[in-house]
Amino acid sequence: MFTISTIKEIATDLHKKGKKIVLATGFFDLLHTEHINFLQKARAVGDVLIVAVESDERARILKGEGRPVETQAVRLKNLTPYVDYLIALDATFNNPLAFESLIAAVKPQILAVSSHTAHQDKKSALVTKYGGELRVVHTHNPDISTSKLLAQNHV
């Protein structure tokens, strides 16, 4: 497990080795088929997939009461088979400057997003500033989400 500051050395080494780094971010609460499809598509466009996982505190703020269902530690563990490196984001990852610090540390060639990712224009401008590109790798399926799974199961 890495932090924004500790992933920088790894990313620098990967760049020196000529690896194409793909970065993705998210909550990944109750890992489901849409998450897995997204991760597989993100992995397919590069050599190395780095995923940054949002904090429990941020999930509560953005997703509401009862979220996340699984702690960040569990969410990180569940993602292990699908990614090369994981970053555990802390509660301070809550503004554009924090997002820029992640992009600056990793300098991904590709920032992988889903079609429903918010602020794509701002994220694209930021990743471009560091030599990469934003790429929509997955078309969001609104029929499958953690919120819908919770509603169906009354969790």
Protein backbone atom coordinates (compact mmCIF):
# COMPACT_ATOMS: atom_id res chain seq x y z
CA MET A 1 0.00 0.00 0.00
CA PHE A 2 1.25 3.45 -0.89
CA THR A 3 0.48 7.09 -0.21
CA ILE A 4 0.78 9.95 -2.67
CA SER A 5 4.27 10.72 -1.35
CA THR A 6 5.50 7.11 -1.35
CA ILE A 7 4.19 6.24 -4.85
CA LYS A 8 6.30 8.99 -6.44
CA GLU A 9 9.54 6.97 -6.34
CA ILE A 10 7.80 3.89 -7.78
CA ALA A 11 6.23 5.95 -10.58
CA THR A 12 9.55 7.61 -11.40
CA ASP A 13 11.19 4.19 -11.69
CA LEU A 14 8.36 2.88 -13.90
CA HIS A 15 8.74 5.91 -16.20
CA LYS A 16 12.50 5.27 -16.45
CA LYS A 17 11.73 1.69 -17.50
CA GLY A 18 9.46 2.99 -20.28
CA LYS A 19 6.25 1.68 -18.75
CA LYS A 20 2.93 3.27 -19.70
CA ILE A 21 1.23 4.14 -16.41
CA VAL A 22 -2.54 4.22 -16.11
CA LEU A 23 -4.05 5.91 -13.06
CA ALA A 24 -7.62 5.52 -11.83
CA THR A 25 -9.31 6.83 -8.70
CA GLY A 26 -12.51 6.01 -6.86
CA PHE A 27 -14.28 4.60 -3.85
CA PHE A 28 -14.84 1.01 -5.06
CA ASP A 29 -17.32 0.31 -2.26
CA LEU A 30 -18.81 -3.20 -2.50
CA LEU A 31 -16.70 -4.24 -5.49
CA HIS A 32 -19.10 -5.25 -8.27
CA THR A 33 -19.03 -6.13 -11.98
CA GLU A 34 -18.98 -2.51 -13.16
CA HIS A 35 -15.93 -1.81 -11.01
CA ILE A 36 -14.19 -4.92 -12.32
CA ASN A 37 -15.06 -4.12 -15.95
CA PHE A 38 -13.70 -0.60 -15.50
CA LEU A 39 -10.48 -1.85 -13.91
CA GLN A 40 -9.93 -4.44 -16.64
CA LYS A 41 -10.44 -1.82 -19.35
CA ALA A 42 -8.12 0.60 -17.57
CA ARG A 43 -5.43 -2.06 -17.26
CA ALA A 44 -5.73 -2.90 -20.97
CA VAL A 45 -4.65 0.58 -22.14
CA GLY A 46 -1.26 0.56 -20.41
CA ASP A 47 1.47 -1.48 -18.80
CA VAL A 48 0.89 -0.63 -15.14
CA LEU A 49 -2.37 0.18 -13.36
CA ILE A 50 -2.23 2.36 -10.26
CA VAL A 51 -5.48 2.90 -8.38
CA ALA A 52 -6.01 5.53 -5.69
CA VAL A 53 -8.84 4.71 -3.27
CA GLU A 54 -10.77 7.43 -1.47
CA SER A 55 -10.91 7.59 2.33
CA ASP A 56 -13.80 6.48 4.52
CA GLU A 57 -14.31 10.08 5.63
CA ARG A 58 -14.68 11.33 2.07
CA ALA A 59 -17.08 8.49 1.26
CA ARG A 60 -19.30 9.51 4.16
CA ILE A 61 -19.29 13.13 3.01
CA LEU A 62 -19.97 12.40 -0.67
CA LYS A 63 -22.02 9.20 -0.52
CA GLY A 64 -24.04 9.82 2.64
CA GLU A 65 -25.05 7.99 5.78
CA GLY A 66 -23.97 4.36 6.00
CA ARG A 67 -21.21 4.70 3.45
CA PRO A 68 -18.80 3.33 2.81
CA VAL A 69 -20.18 -0.13 3.51
CA GLU A 70 -16.65 -1.51 3.60
CA THR A 71 -13.70 0.25 5.19
CA GLN A 72 -10.90 1.60 3.06
CA ALA A 73 -8.68 -1.28 4.24
CA VAL A 74 -11.21 -3.85 2.98
CA ARG A 75 -11.76 -1.97 -0.27
CA LEU A 76 -8.01 -1.86 -0.90
CA LYS A 77 -7.68 -5.59 -0.20
CA ASN A 78 -10.56 -6.38 -2.58
CA LEU A 79 -8.85 -4.46 -5.39
CA THR A 80 -5.50 -6.23 -5.04
CA PRO A 81 -6.11 -8.85 -7.78
CA TYR A 82 -7.00 -6.19 -10.35
CA VAL A 83 -4.23 -3.59 -9.97
CA ASP A 84 -0.47 -3.28 -9.81
CA TYR A 85 -0.21 -0.57 -7.14
CA LEU A 86 -2.72 0.83 -4.67
CA ILE A 87 -2.72 4.25 -3.06
CA ALA A 88 -4.69 4.81 0.14
CA LEU A 89 -5.92 8.39 0.00
CA ASP A 90 -6.50 10.18 3.29
CA ALA A 91 -9.17 12.65 4.35
CA THR A 92 -7.10 15.60 3.06
CA PHE A 93 -7.67 14.37 -0.50
CA ASN A 94 -10.69 16.62 -0.93
CA ASN A 95 -9.82 19.46 -3.30
CA PRO A 96 -8.24 20.22 -6.69
CA LEU A 97 -4.80 20.83 -5.18
CA ALA A 98 -4.84 17.40 -3.57
CA PHE A 99 -5.84 15.85 -6.90
CA GLU A 100 -3.01 17.71 -8.59
CA SER A 101 -0.55 16.37 -6.01
CA LEU A 102 -1.59 12.83 -7.02
CA ILE A 103 -1.19 13.56 -10.74
CA ALA A 104 2.16 15.28 -10.12
CA ALA A 105 3.44 12.29 -8.13
CA VAL A 106 2.35 9.60 -10.61
CA LYS A 107 2.52 11.54 -13.91
CA PRO A 108 0.31 8.94 -15.61
CA GLN A 109 0.29 8.70 -19.37
CA ILE A 110 -3.41 7.90 -19.03
CA LEU A 111 -5.94 8.94 -16.41
CA ALA A 112 -8.63 6.29 -16.88
CA VAL A 113 -12.22 7.33 -16.15
CA SER A 114 -15.73 6.07 -16.68
CA SER A 115 -18.18 7.95 -18.88
CA HIS A 116 -20.01 9.30 -15.82
CA THR A 117 -16.90 10.64 -14.05
CA ALA A 118 -17.44 14.19 -12.81
CA HIS A 119 -15.23 17.14 -13.79
CA GLN A 120 -13.70 15.44 -16.83
CA ASP A 121 -12.73 18.78 -18.38
CA LYS A 122 -10.80 19.87 -15.28
CA LYS A 123 -9.20 16.45 -14.84
CA SER A 124 -8.22 16.38 -18.52
CA ALA A 125 -6.55 19.79 -18.29
CA LEU A 126 -4.66 18.72 -15.19
CA VAL A 127 -3.37 15.40 -16.51
CA THR A 128 -2.40 17.12 -19.78
CA LYS A 129 -0.35 19.62 -17.76
CA TYR A 130 1.77 16.66 -16.56
CA GLY A 131 2.15 15.06 -19.99
CA GLY A 132 -0.74 12.59 -19.93
CA GLU A 133 -4.25 12.32 -21.27
CA LEU A 134 -7.67 11.60 -19.84
CA ARG A 135 -9.28 8.58 -21.46
CA VAL A 136 -12.83 7.33 -21.03
CA VAL A 137 -12.23 3.58 -20.91
CA HIS A 138 -15.67 2.43 -19.77
CA THR A 139 -19.25 3.38 -20.52
CA HIS A 140 -21.17 3.63 -17.27
CA ASN A 141 -24.05 1.19 -16.83
CA PRO A 142 -26.58 2.97 -14.59
CA ASP A 143 -28.29 -0.34 -13.78
CA ILE A 144 -25.34 -1.49 -11.69
CA SER A 145 -24.04 0.57 -8.78
CA THR A 146 -23.27 0.13 -5.11
CA SER A 147 -26.28 2.32 -4.24
CA LYS A 148 -28.61 0.14 -6.32
CA LEU A 149 -27.15 -3.04 -4.85
CA LEU A 150 -27.73 -1.68 -1.36
CA ALA A 151 -31.31 -0.71 -2.20
CA GLN A 152 -32.04 -4.15 -3.68
CA ASN A 153 -30.60 -5.94 -0.69
CA HIS A 154 -31.91 -3.44 1.88
CA VAL A 155 -28.48 -3.35 3.51
